[in-house]
Structure formats: structure tokens, C-alpha cells
Amino acid sequence: MTHRAELKQAIEAVFAAFTVDELTRRFEPFNVPCGRVRDMREAIAHPQVAARQLLVAQERPGAGRIQTLGPVVRLSRTPADPRLPPPALGEHTAGVLASLEK
């Protein structure tokens, strides 16, 4: 940790000379986990999202059918089952605050 800032600066200077694709090609033969940082639109469009069925269609009162992100981690003995859509902004605030007053 003593020289963290200097090391970070040196690594960034070297990496700046390469594209993400070039670095990925160089790291893969050594099994270095790496990948592009994607924005939300790019991440959702990635083929692995469809292959792993990560998007879940749910009925949202007042909004109709929406797509949400399903469970990313899949456990064989205790599979997640997202039955309810995510709450609307502030939907549970009163209940949570009331539970804190007790």
C-alpha cells in the first residue's frame, strides 16, 4: 500500500498504449481474468445475458410487463425464484420506518 499510487500510475501508463481487445488477447493465454467494462446497454446486449436467461419478464402494477435482472448466482439446491417485481420508489418506505419505531 505504501507505493500504491505510483504503481497505479505506472500500470495505467503502460496499459494506455493498448486497446481493450489487445490486452484481452495478451492476458487470455495466461488465464488472467479480464474484460471490458460495459455500460448498462452494452451489458444487457451481451450474448451471455440471453444464454444464462438473466432477464426476467414480470408484471408491474401500473407499468405493465417489464424486464428486470434475474438472479445472477444460480444454486442447484436453493434456486432463486423472483416472484415479485422490484418495488416502486418509496413503495415500502412507510412500512420500513414504522418497523424502526417499535
PDB file of N, CA and C in Angstrom:
ATOM      1  N   MET A   1       0.805  -1.196   0.000  1.00  0.00           N
ATOM      2  CA  MET A   1       0.000   0.000   0.000  1.00  0.00           C
ATOM      3  C   MET A   1       0.857   1.272   0.000  1.00  0.00           C
ATOM      4  N   THR A   2       2.083   1.149   0.424  1.00  0.00           N
ATOM      5  CA  THR A   2       2.947   2.330   0.520  1.00  0.00           C
ATOM      6  C   THR A   2       3.121   3.018  -0.831  1.00  0.00           C
ATOM      7  N   HIS A   3       3.283   2.231  -1.901  1.00  0.00           N
ATOM      8  CA  HIS A   3       3.558   2.793  -3.227  1.00  0.00           C
ATOM      9  C   HIS A   3       2.404   2.554  -4.192  1.00  0.00           C
ATOM     10  N   ARG A   4       1.193   2.410  -3.647  1.00  0.00           N
ATOM     11  CA  ARG A   4       0.022   2.097  -4.466  1.00  0.00           C
ATOM     12  C   ARG A   4      -0.205   3.135  -5.574  1.00  0.00           C
ATOM     13  N   ALA A   5      -0.168   4.406  -5.237  1.00  0.00           N
ATOM     14  CA  ALA A   5      -0.419   5.468  -6.211  1.00  0.00           C
ATOM     15  C   ALA A   5       0.589   5.424  -7.356  1.00  0.00           C
ATOM     16  N   GLU A   6       1.861   5.243  -7.016  1.00  0.00           N
ATOM     17  CA  GLU A   6       2.903   5.188  -8.043  1.00  0.00           C
ATOM     18  C   GLU A   6       2.737   3.960  -8.939  1.00  0.00           C
ATOM     19  N   LEU A   7       2.427   2.825  -8.319  1.00  0.00           N
ATOM     20  CA  LEU A   7       2.222   1.597  -9.092  1.00  0.00           C
ATOM     21  C   LEU A   7       1.027   1.740 -10.029  1.00  0.00           C
ATOM     22  N   LYS A   8      -0.061   2.292  -9.521  1.00  0.00           N
ATOM     23  CA  LYS A   8      -1.260   2.504 -10.342  1.00  0.00           C
ATOM     24  C   LYS A   8      -0.926   3.387 -11.541  1.00  0.00           C
ATOM     25  N   GLN A   9      -0.211   4.453 -11.294  1.00  0.00           N
ATOM     26  CA  GLN A   9       0.174   5.374 -12.365  1.00  0.00           C
ATOM     27  C   GLN A   9       1.047   4.672 -13.411  1.00  0.00           C
ATOM     28  N   ALA A  10       2.002   3.871 -12.972  1.00  0.00           N
ATOM     29  CA  ALA A  10       2.895   3.154 -13.897  1.00  0.00           C
ATOM     30  C   ALA A  10       2.115   2.135 -14.737  1.00  0.00           C
ATOM     31  N   ILE A  11       1.213   1.401 -14.103  1.00  0.00           N
ATOM     32  CA  ILE A  11       0.422   0.403 -14.831  1.00  0.00           C
ATOM     33  C   ILE A  11      -0.493   1.090 -15.843  1.00  0.00           C
ATOM     34  N   GLU A  12      -1.151   2.163 -15.439  1.00  0.00           N
ATOM     35  CA  GLU A  12      -2.033   2.887 -16.356  1.00  0.00           C
ATOM     36  C   GLU A  12      -1.271   3.438 -17.557  1.00  0.00           C
ATOM     37  N   ALA A  13      -0.041   3.892 -17.338  1.00  0.00           N
ATOM     38  CA  ALA A  13       0.769   4.426 -18.438  1.00  0.00           C
ATOM     39  C   ALA A  13       1.075   3.337 -19.462  1.00  0.00           C
ATOM     40  N   VAL A  14       1.390   2.140 -18.994  1.00  0.00           N
ATOM     41  CA  VAL A  14       1.678   1.025 -19.903  1.00  0.00           C
ATOM     42  C   VAL A  14       0.410   0.588 -20.625  1.00  0.00           C
ATOM     43  N   PHE A  15      -0.691   0.427 -19.877  1.00  0.00           N
ATOM     44  CA  PHE A  15      -1.945  -0.054 -20.473  1.00  0.00           C
ATOM     45  C   PHE A  15      -2.538   0.937 -21.476  1.00  0.00           C
ATOM     46  N   ALA A  16      -2.243   2.220 -21.315  1.00  0.00           N
ATOM     47  CA  ALA A  16      -2.799   3.239 -22.209  1.00  0.00           C
ATOM     48  C   ALA A  16      -2.370   3.041 -23.655  1.00  0.00           C
ATOM     49  N   ALA A  17      -1.289   2.318 -23.873  1.00  0.00           N
ATOM     50  CA  ALA A  17      -0.785   2.087 -25.234  1.00  0.00           C
ATOM     51  C   ALA A  17      -1.558   0.997 -25.969  1.00  0.00           C
ATOM     52  N   PHE A  18      -2.484   0.311 -25.288  1.00  0.00           N
ATOM     53  CA  PHE A  18      -3.200  -0.816 -25.877  1.00  0.00           C
ATOM     54  C   PHE A  18      -4.706  -0.578 -25.874  1.00  0.00           C
ATOM     55  N   THR A  19      -5.390  -1.254 -26.794  1.00  0.00           N
ATOM     56  CA  THR A  19      -6.851  -1.273 -26.744  1.00  0.00           C
ATOM     57  C   THR A  19      -7.270  -2.390 -25.788  1.00  0.00           C
ATOM     58  N   VAL A  20      -8.523  -2.377 -25.391  1.00  0.00           N
ATOM     59  CA  VAL A  20      -9.045  -3.429 -24.517  1.00  0.00           C
ATOM     60  C   VAL A  20      -8.915  -4.783 -25.211  1.00  0.00           C
ATOM     61  N   ASP A  21      -9.222  -4.839 -26.502  1.00  0.00           N
ATOM     62  CA  ASP A  21      -9.133  -6.108 -27.238  1.00  0.00           C
ATOM     63  C   ASP A  21      -7.695  -6.640 -27.267  1.00  0.00           C
ATOM     64  N   GLU A  22      -6.719  -5.739 -27.447  1.00  0.00           N
ATOM     65  CA  GLU A  22      -5.323  -6.166 -27.455  1.00  0.00           C
ATOM     66  C   GLU A  22      -4.909  -6.722 -26.094  1.00  0.00           C
ATOM     67  N   LEU A  23      -5.292  -6.031 -25.040  1.00  0.00           N
ATOM     68  CA  LEU A  23      -4.941  -6.506 -23.694  1.00  0.00           C
ATOM     69  C   LEU A  23      -5.612  -7.841 -23.392  1.00  0.00           C
ATOM     70  N   THR A  24      -6.858  -7.975 -23.785  1.00  0.00           N
ATOM     71  CA  THR A  24      -7.576  -9.229 -23.555  1.00  0.00           C
ATOM     72  C   THR A  24      -6.872 -10.386 -24.261  1.00  0.00           C
ATOM     73  N   ARG A  25      -6.485 -10.167 -25.517  1.00  0.00           N
ATOM     74  CA  ARG A  25      -5.762 -11.213 -26.265  1.00  0.00           C
ATOM     75  C   ARG A  25      -4.441 -11.572 -25.583  1.00  0.00           C
ATOM     76  N   ARG A  26      -3.752 -10.600 -25.023  1.00  0.00           N
ATOM     77  CA  ARG A  26      -2.472 -10.862 -24.351  1.00  0.00           C
ATOM     78  C   ARG A  26      -2.650 -11.580 -23.017  1.00  0.00           C
ATOM     79  N   PHE A  27      -3.726 -11.280 -22.291  1.00  0.00           N
ATOM     80  CA  PHE A  27      -3.949 -11.874 -20.972  1.00  0.00           C
ATOM     81  C   PHE A  27      -4.537 -13.276 -21.027  1.00  0.00           C
ATOM     82  N   GLU A  28      -5.394 -13.551 -22.015  1.00  0.00           N
ATOM     83  CA  GLU A  28      -6.101 -14.838 -22.059  1.00  0.00           C
ATOM     84  C   GLU A  28      -5.177 -16.058 -22.029  1.00  0.00           C
ATOM     85  N   PRO A  29      -4.060 -16.088 -22.754  1.00  0.00           N
ATOM     86  CA  PRO A  29      -3.197 -17.280 -22.701  1.00  0.00           C
ATOM     87  C   PRO A  29      -2.651 -17.577 -21.298  1.00  0.00           C
ATOM     88  N   PHE A  30      -2.647 -16.566 -20.448  1.00  0.00           N
ATOM     89  CA  PHE A  30      -2.131 -16.734 -19.082  1.00  0.00           C
ATOM     90  C   PHE A  30      -3.254 -16.895 -18.058  1.00  0.00           C
ATOM     91  N   ASN A  31      -4.487 -17.068 -18.570  1.00  0.00           N
ATOM     92  CA  ASN A  31      -5.673 -17.238 -17.718  1.00  0.00           C
ATOM     93  C   ASN A  31      -5.877 -16.080 -16.738  1.00  0.00           C
ATOM     94  N   VAL A  32      -5.545 -14.875 -17.175  1.00  0.00           N
ATOM     95  CA  VAL A  32      -5.791 -13.685 -16.360  1.00  0.00           C
ATOM     96  C   VAL A  32      -7.231 -13.251 -16.612  1.00  0.00           C
ATOM     97  N   PRO A  33      -8.073 -13.248 -15.579  1.00  0.00           N
ATOM     98  CA  PRO A  33      -9.453 -12.812 -15.797  1.00  0.00           C
ATOM     99  C   PRO A  33      -9.485 -11.333 -16.161  1.00  0.00           C
ATOM    100  N   CYS A  34     -10.117 -11.023 -17.258  1.00  0.00           N
ATOM    101  CA  CYS A  34     -10.180  -9.641 -17.700  1.00  0.00           C
ATOM    102  C   CYS A  34     -11.363  -9.468 -18.642  1.00  0.00           C
ATOM    103  N   GLY A  35     -11.742  -8.257 -18.828  1.00  0.00           N
ATOM    104  CA  GLY A  35     -12.829  -7.969 -19.759  1.00  0.00           C
ATOM    105  C   GLY A  35     -13.113  -6.479 -19.788  1.00  0.00           C
ATOM    106  N   ARG A  36     -13.849  -6.106 -20.765  1.00  0.00           N
ATOM    107  CA  ARG A  36     -14.235  -4.719 -20.980  1.00  0.00           C
ATOM    108  C   ARG A  36     -15.251  -4.296 -19.914  1.00  0.00           C
ATOM    109  N   VAL A  37     -15.125  -3.087 -19.433  1.00  0.00           N
ATOM    110  CA  VAL A  37     -16.145  -2.512 -18.558  1.00  0.00           C
ATOM    111  C   VAL A  37     -17.225  -1.965 -19.488  1.00  0.00           C
ATOM    112  N   ARG A  38     -18.429  -2.468 -19.326  1.00  0.00           N
ATOM    113  CA  ARG A  38     -19.523  -2.110 -20.224  1.00  0.00           C
ATOM    114  C   ARG A  38     -20.523  -1.197 -19.524  1.00  0.00           C
ATOM    115  N   ASP A  39     -21.181  -0.354 -20.320  1.00  0.00           N
ATOM    116  CA  ASP A  39     -22.283   0.401 -19.739  1.00  0.00           C
ATOM    117  C   ASP A  39     -23.499  -0.523 -19.687  1.00  0.00           C
ATOM    118  N   MET A  40     -24.578  -0.086 -19.085  1.00  0.00           N
ATOM    119  CA  MET A  40     -25.735  -0.950 -18.883  1.00  0.00           C
ATOM    120  C   MET A  40     -26.292  -1.478 -20.206  1.00  0.00           C
ATOM    121  N   ARG A  41     -26.399  -0.629 -21.197  1.00  0.00           N
ATOM    122  CA  ARG A  41     -26.949  -1.046 -22.500  1.00  0.00           C
ATOM    123  C   ARG A  41     -26.074  -2.142 -23.134  1.00  0.00           C
ATOM    124  N   GLU A  42     -24.760  -1.967 -23.088  1.00  0.00           N
ATOM    125  CA  GLU A  42     -23.839  -2.970 -23.640  1.00  0.00           C
ATOM    126  C   GLU A  42     -23.906  -4.270 -22.841  1.00  0.00           C
ATOM    127  N   ALA A  43     -23.990  -4.160 -21.537  1.00  0.00           N
ATOM    128  CA  ALA A  43     -24.032  -5.350 -20.685  1.00  0.00           C
ATOM    129  C   ALA A  43     -25.282  -6.179 -20.975  1.00  0.00           C
ATOM    130  N   ILE A  44     -26.424  -5.536 -21.077  1.00  0.00           N
ATOM    131  CA  ILE A  44     -27.684  -6.249 -21.330  1.00  0.00           C
ATOM    132  C   ILE A  44     -27.674  -6.889 -22.722  1.00  0.00           C
ATOM    133  N   ALA A  45     -26.990  -6.279 -23.678  1.00  0.00           N
ATOM    134  CA  ALA A  45     -26.933  -6.812 -25.047  1.00  0.00           C
ATOM    135  C   ALA A  45     -25.919  -7.947 -25.199  1.00  0.00           C
ATOM    136  N   HIS A  46     -25.093  -8.194 -24.173  1.00  0.00           N
ATOM    137  CA  HIS A  46     -24.066  -9.235 -24.269  1.00  0.00           C
ATOM    138  C   HIS A  46     -24.721 -10.607 -24.439  1.00  0.00           C
ATOM    139  N   PRO A  47     -24.174 -11.475 -25.304  1.00  0.00           N
ATOM    140  CA  PRO A  47     -24.774 -12.797 -25.552  1.00  0.00           C
ATOM    141  C   PRO A  47     -24.933 -13.664 -24.301  1.00  0.00           C
ATOM    142  N   GLN A  48     -24.092 -13.470 -23.300  1.00  0.00           N
ATOM    143  CA  GLN A  48     -24.203 -14.279 -22.086  1.00  0.00           C
ATOM    144  C   GLN A  48     -25.477 -13.980 -21.299  1.00  0.00           C
ATOM    145  N   VAL A  49     -26.010 -12.773 -21.443  1.00  0.00           N
ATOM    146  CA  VAL A  49     -27.253 -12.421 -20.741  1.00  0.00           C
ATOM    147  C   VAL A  49     -28.386 -13.304 -21.246  1.00  0.00           C
ATOM    148  N   ALA A  50     -28.487 -13.467 -22.556  1.00  0.00           N
ATOM    149  CA  ALA A  50     -29.524 -14.340 -23.124  1.00  0.00           C
ATOM    150  C   ALA A  50     -29.218 -15.808 -22.834  1.00  0.00           C
ATOM    151  N   ALA A  51     -27.966 -16.200 -22.974  1.00  0.00           N
ATOM    152  CA  ALA A  51     -27.592 -17.610 -22.762  1.00  0.00           C
ATOM    153  C   ALA A  51     -27.877 -18.055 -21.331  1.00  0.00           C
ATOM    154  N   ARG A  52     -27.693 -17.169 -20.370  1.00  0.00           N
ATOM    155  CA  ARG A  52     -27.916 -17.511 -18.962  1.00  0.00           C
ATOM    156  C   ARG A  52     -29.315 -17.123 -18.489  1.00  0.00           C
ATOM    157  N   GLN A  53     -30.129 -16.604 -19.413  1.00  0.00           N
ATOM    158  CA  GLN A  53     -31.510 -16.196 -19.110  1.00  0.00           C
ATOM    159  C   GLN A  53     -31.556 -15.262 -17.897  1.00  0.00           C
ATOM    160  N   LEU A  54     -30.765 -14.209 -17.962  1.00  0.00           N
ATOM    161  CA  LEU A  54     -30.649 -13.285 -16.839  1.00  0.00           C
ATOM    162  C   LEU A  54     -31.745 -12.224 -16.798  1.00  0.00           C
ATOM    163  N   LEU A  55     -32.438 -12.010 -17.914  1.00  0.00           N
ATOM    164  CA  LEU A  55     -33.540 -11.054 -17.908  1.00  0.00           C
ATOM    165  C   LEU A  55     -34.844 -11.794 -17.629  1.00  0.00           C
ATOM    166  N   VAL A  56     -35.617 -11.250 -16.702  1.00  0.00           N
ATOM    167  CA  VAL A  56     -36.873 -11.873 -16.295  1.00  0.00           C
ATOM    168  C   VAL A  56     -38.000 -10.902 -16.595  1.00  0.00           C
ATOM    169  N   ALA A  57     -39.036 -11.375 -17.287  1.00  0.00           N
ATOM    170  CA  ALA A  57     -40.216 -10.550 -17.556  1.00  0.00           C
ATOM    171  C   ALA A  57     -41.166 -10.678 -16.374  1.00  0.00           C
ATOM    172  N   GLN A  58     -41.616  -9.532 -15.856  1.00  0.00           N
ATOM    173  CA  GLN A  58     -42.522  -9.524 -14.711  1.00  0.00           C
ATOM    174  C   GLN A  58     -43.633  -8.510 -14.935  1.00  0.00           C
ATOM    175  N   GLU A  59     -44.763  -8.757 -14.317  1.00  0.00           N
ATOM    176  CA  GLU A  59     -45.895  -7.838 -14.386  1.00  0.00           C
ATOM    177  C   GLU A  59     -45.751  -6.818 -13.263  1.00  0.00           C
ATOM    178  N   ARG A  60     -45.765  -5.561 -13.609  1.00  0.00           N
ATOM    179  CA  ARG A  60     -45.617  -4.479 -12.623  1.00  0.00           C
ATOM    180  C   ARG A  60     -46.913  -3.682 -12.586  1.00  0.00           C
ATOM    181  N   PRO A  61     -47.602  -3.664 -11.439  1.00  0.00           N
ATOM    182  CA  PRO A  61     -48.843  -2.895 -11.342  1.00  0.00           C
ATOM    183  C   PRO A  61     -48.625  -1.438 -11.763  1.00  0.00           C
ATOM    184  N   GLY A  62     -49.445  -0.964 -12.657  1.00  0.00           N
ATOM    185  CA  GLY A  62     -49.336   0.413 -13.131  1.00  0.00           C
ATOM    186  C   GLY A  62     -48.356   0.612 -14.264  1.00  0.00           C
ATOM    187  N   ALA A  63     -47.501  -0.366 -14.527  1.00  0.00           N
ATOM    188  CA  ALA A  63     -46.487  -0.214 -15.582  1.00  0.00           C
ATOM    189  C   ALA A  63     -46.595  -1.304 -16.639  1.00  0.00           C
ATOM    190  N   GLY A  64     -47.333  -2.360 -16.345  1.00  0.00           N
ATOM    191  CA  GLY A  64     -47.449  -3.465 -17.292  1.00  0.00           C
ATOM    192  C   GLY A  64     -46.283  -4.426 -17.176  1.00  0.00           C
ATOM    193  N   ARG A  65     -45.960  -5.044 -18.287  1.00  0.00           N
ATOM    194  CA  ARG A  65     -44.893  -6.050 -18.304  1.00  0.00           C
ATOM    195  C   ARG A  65     -43.542  -5.359 -18.433  1.00  0.00           C
ATOM    196  N   ILE A  66     -42.631  -5.661 -17.514  1.00  0.00           N
ATOM    197  CA  ILE A  66     -41.289  -5.072 -17.532  1.00  0.00           C
ATOM    198  C   ILE A  66     -40.247  -6.185 -17.488  1.00  0.00           C
ATOM    199  N   GLN A  67     -39.043  -5.852 -17.901  1.00  0.00           N
ATOM    200  CA  GLN A  67     -37.934  -6.800 -17.786  1.00  0.00           C
ATOM    201  C   GLN A  67     -37.016  -6.334 -16.669  1.00  0.00           C
ATOM    202  N   THR A  68     -36.649  -7.269 -15.808  1.00  0.00           N
ATOM    203  CA  THR A  68     -35.725  -6.972 -14.727  1.00  0.00           C
ATOM    204  C   THR A  68     -34.574  -7.966 -14.783  1.00  0.00           C
ATOM    205  N   LEU A  69     -33.532  -7.654 -14.050  1.00  0.00           N
ATOM    206  CA  LEU A  69     -32.395  -8.562 -13.962  1.00  0.00           C
ATOM    207  C   LEU A  69     -32.734  -9.667 -12.972  1.00  0.00           C
ATOM    208  N   GLY A  70     -32.637 -10.899 -13.413  1.00  0.00           N
ATOM    209  CA  GLY A  70     -32.908 -12.044 -12.551  1.00  0.00           C
ATOM    210  C   GLY A  70     -31.692 -12.404 -11.729  1.00  0.00           C
ATOM    211  N   PRO A  71     -31.797 -13.485 -10.967  1.00  0.00           N
ATOM    212  CA  PRO A  71     -30.668 -13.906 -10.133  1.00  0.00           C
ATOM    213  C   PRO A  71     -29.441 -14.251 -10.983  1.00  0.00           C
ATOM    214  N   VAL A  72     -28.313 -13.684 -10.645  1.00  0.00           N
ATOM    215  CA  VAL A  72     -27.075 -13.933 -11.381  1.00  0.00           C
ATOM    216  C   VAL A  72     -26.432 -15.222 -10.888  1.00  0.00           C
ATOM    217  N   VAL A  73     -26.464 -15.431  -9.578  1.00  0.00           N
ATOM    218  CA  VAL A  73     -25.903 -16.647  -8.996  1.00  0.00           C
ATOM    219  C   VAL A  73     -26.980 -17.717  -9.005  1.00  0.00           C
ATOM    220  N   ARG A  74     -26.644 -18.881  -9.513  1.00  0.00           N
ATOM    221  CA  ARG A  74     -27.596 -19.990  -9.598  1.00  0.00           C
ATOM    222  C   ARG A  74     -27.126 -21.125  -8.700  1.00  0.00           C
ATOM    223  N   LEU A  75     -27.916 -21.436  -7.687  1.00  0.00           N
ATOM    224  CA  LEU A  75     -27.589 -22.514  -6.761  1.00  0.00           C
ATOM    225  C   LEU A  75     -28.550 -23.673  -7.012  1.00  0.00           C
ATOM    226  N   SER A  76     -28.022 -24.882  -7.180  1.00  0.00           N
ATOM    227  CA  SER A  76     -28.853 -26.027  -7.549  1.00  0.00           C
ATOM    228  C   SER A  76     -29.816 -26.444  -6.444  1.00  0.00           C
ATOM    229  N   ARG A  77     -29.390 -26.380  -5.197  1.00  0.00           N
ATOM    230  CA  ARG A  77     -30.262 -26.836  -4.105  1.00  0.00           C
ATOM    231  C   ARG A  77     -31.216 -25.756  -3.611  1.00  0.00           C
ATOM    232  N   THR A  78     -30.862 -24.515  -3.826  1.00  0.00           N
ATOM    233  CA  THR A  78     -31.731 -23.420  -3.373  1.00  0.00           C
ATOM    234  C   THR A  78     -31.855 -22.373  -4.483  1.00  0.00           C
ATOM    235  N   PRO A  79     -32.545 -22.717  -5.567  1.00  0.00           N
ATOM    236  CA  PRO A  79     -32.648 -21.768  -6.681  1.00  0.00           C
ATOM    237  C   PRO A  79     -33.502 -20.553  -6.299  1.00  0.00           C
ATOM    238  N   ALA A  80     -33.082 -19.400  -6.753  1.00  0.00           N
ATOM    239  CA  ALA A  80     -33.844 -18.174  -6.529  1.00  0.00           C
ATOM    240  C   ALA A  80     -35.026 -18.146  -7.484  1.00  0.00           C
ATOM    241  N   ASP A  81     -36.132 -17.612  -7.009  1.00  0.00           N
ATOM    242  CA  ASP A  81     -37.334 -17.520  -7.828  1.00  0.00           C
ATOM    243  C   ASP A  81     -37.931 -16.130  -7.631  1.00  0.00           C
ATOM    244  N   PRO A  82     -37.571 -15.189  -8.500  1.00  0.00           N
ATOM    245  CA  PRO A  82     -38.068 -13.825  -8.332  1.00  0.00           C
ATOM    246  C   PRO A  82     -39.551 -13.737  -8.699  1.00  0.00           C
ATOM    247  N   ARG A  83     -40.396 -13.860  -7.713  1.00  0.00           N
ATOM    248  CA  ARG A  83     -41.843 -13.854  -7.960  1.00  0.00           C
ATOM    249  C   ARG A  83     -42.416 -12.455  -8.024  1.00  0.00           C
ATOM    250  N   LEU A  84     -41.829 -11.551  -7.265  1.00  0.00           N
ATOM    251  CA  LEU A  84     -42.347 -10.189  -7.205  1.00  0.00           C
ATOM    252  C   LEU A  84     -41.441  -9.238  -7.976  1.00  0.00           C
ATOM    253  N   PRO A  85     -42.030  -8.253  -8.631  1.00  0.00           N
ATOM    254  CA  PRO A  85     -41.193  -7.256  -9.300  1.00  0.00           C
ATOM    255  C   PRO A  85     -40.557  -6.348  -8.261  1.00  0.00           C
ATOM    256  N   PRO A  86     -39.511  -5.619  -8.636  1.00  0.00           N
ATOM    257  CA  PRO A  86     -38.889  -4.700  -7.685  1.00  0.00           C
ATOM    258  C   PRO A  86     -39.900  -3.641  -7.252  1.00  0.00           C
ATOM    259  N   PRO A  87     -39.803  -3.167  -6.027  1.00  0.00           N
ATOM    260  CA  PRO A  87     -40.759  -2.162  -5.556  1.00  0.00           C
ATOM    261  C   PRO A  87     -40.562  -0.820  -6.264  1.00  0.00           C
ATOM    262  N   ALA A  88     -41.635  -0.057  -6.338  1.00  0.00           N
ATOM    263  CA  ALA A  88     -41.547   1.298  -6.873  1.00  0.00           C
ATOM    264  C   ALA A  88     -40.808   2.163  -5.858  1.00  0.00           C
ATOM    265  N   LEU A  89     -40.284   3.270  -6.316  1.00  0.00           N
ATOM    266  CA  LEU A  89     -39.561   4.185  -5.449  1.00  0.00           C
ATOM    267  C   LEU A  89     -40.467   4.607  -4.286  1.00  0.00           C
ATOM    268  N   GLY A  90     -40.033   4.320  -3.074  1.00  0.00           N
ATOM    269  CA  GLY A  90     -40.777   4.688  -1.882  1.00  0.00           C
ATOM    270  C   GLY A  90     -41.928   3.776  -1.514  1.00  0.00           C
ATOM    271  N   GLU A  91     -42.149   2.722  -2.264  1.00  0.00           N
ATOM    272  CA  GLU A  91     -43.303   1.838  -2.047  1.00  0.00           C
ATOM    273  C   GLU A  91     -43.343   1.250  -0.638  1.00  0.00           C
ATOM    274  N   HIS A  92     -42.206   0.905  -0.072  1.00  0.00           N
ATOM    275  CA  HIS A  92     -42.176   0.266   1.242  1.00  0.00           C
ATOM    276  C   HIS A  92     -41.636   1.187   2.341  1.00  0.00           C
ATOM    277  N   THR A  93     -41.425   2.448   2.026  1.00  0.00           N
ATOM    278  CA  THR A  93     -40.818   3.363   2.994  1.00  0.00           C
ATOM    279  C   THR A  93     -41.612   3.443   4.296  1.00  0.00           C
ATOM    280  N   ALA A  94     -42.920   3.629   4.200  1.00  0.00           N
ATOM    281  CA  ALA A  94     -43.740   3.778   5.412  1.00  0.00           C
ATOM    282  C   ALA A  94     -43.635   2.537   6.298  1.00  0.00           C
ATOM    283  N   GLY A  95     -43.692   1.347   5.695  1.00  0.00           N
ATOM    284  CA  GLY A  95     -43.596   0.111   6.465  1.00  0.00           C
ATOM    285  C   GLY A  95     -42.248  -0.064   7.135  1.00  0.00           C
ATOM    286  N   VAL A  96     -41.181   0.276   6.421  1.00  0.00           N
ATOM    287  CA  VAL A  96     -39.835   0.153   6.988  1.00  0.00           C
ATOM    288  C   VAL A  96     -39.664   1.127   8.142  1.00  0.00           C
ATOM    289  N   LEU A  97     -40.084   2.368   7.932  1.00  0.00           N
ATOM    290  CA  LEU A  97     -39.952   3.363   9.007  1.00  0.00           C
ATOM    291  C   LEU A  97     -40.805   2.990  10.214  1.00  0.00           C
ATOM    292  N   ALA A  98     -41.998   2.469   9.974  1.00  0.00           N
ATOM    293  CA  ALA A  98     -42.862   2.050  11.086  1.00  0.00           C
ATOM    294  C   ALA A  98     -42.215   0.929  11.873  1.00  0.00           C
ATOM    295  N   SER A  99     -41.526   0.017  11.206  1.00  0.00           N
ATOM    296  CA  SER A  99     -40.885  -1.102  11.913  1.00  0.00           C
ATOM    297  C   SER A  99     -39.711  -0.624  12.775  1.00  0.00           C
ATOM    298  N   LEU A 100     -39.112   0.495  12.422  1.00  0.00           N
ATOM    299  CA  LEU A 100     -37.991   1.032  13.195  1.00  0.00           C
ATOM    300  C   LEU A 100     -38.458   1.746  14.461  1.00  0.00           C
ATOM    301  N   GLU A 101     -39.697   2.180  14.476  1.00  0.00           N
ATOM    302  CA  GLU A 101     -40.231   2.912  15.623  1.00  0.00           C
ATOM    303  C   GLU A 101     -40.582   1.981  16.789  1.00  0.00           C
ATOM    304  N   LYS A 102     -40.692   0.721  16.546  1.00  0.00           N
ATOM    305  CA  LYS A 102     -41.111  -0.228  17.587  1.00  0.00           C
ATOM    306  C   LYS A 102     -40.006  -0.531  18.555  1.00  0.00           C
TER     307      LYS A 102
END
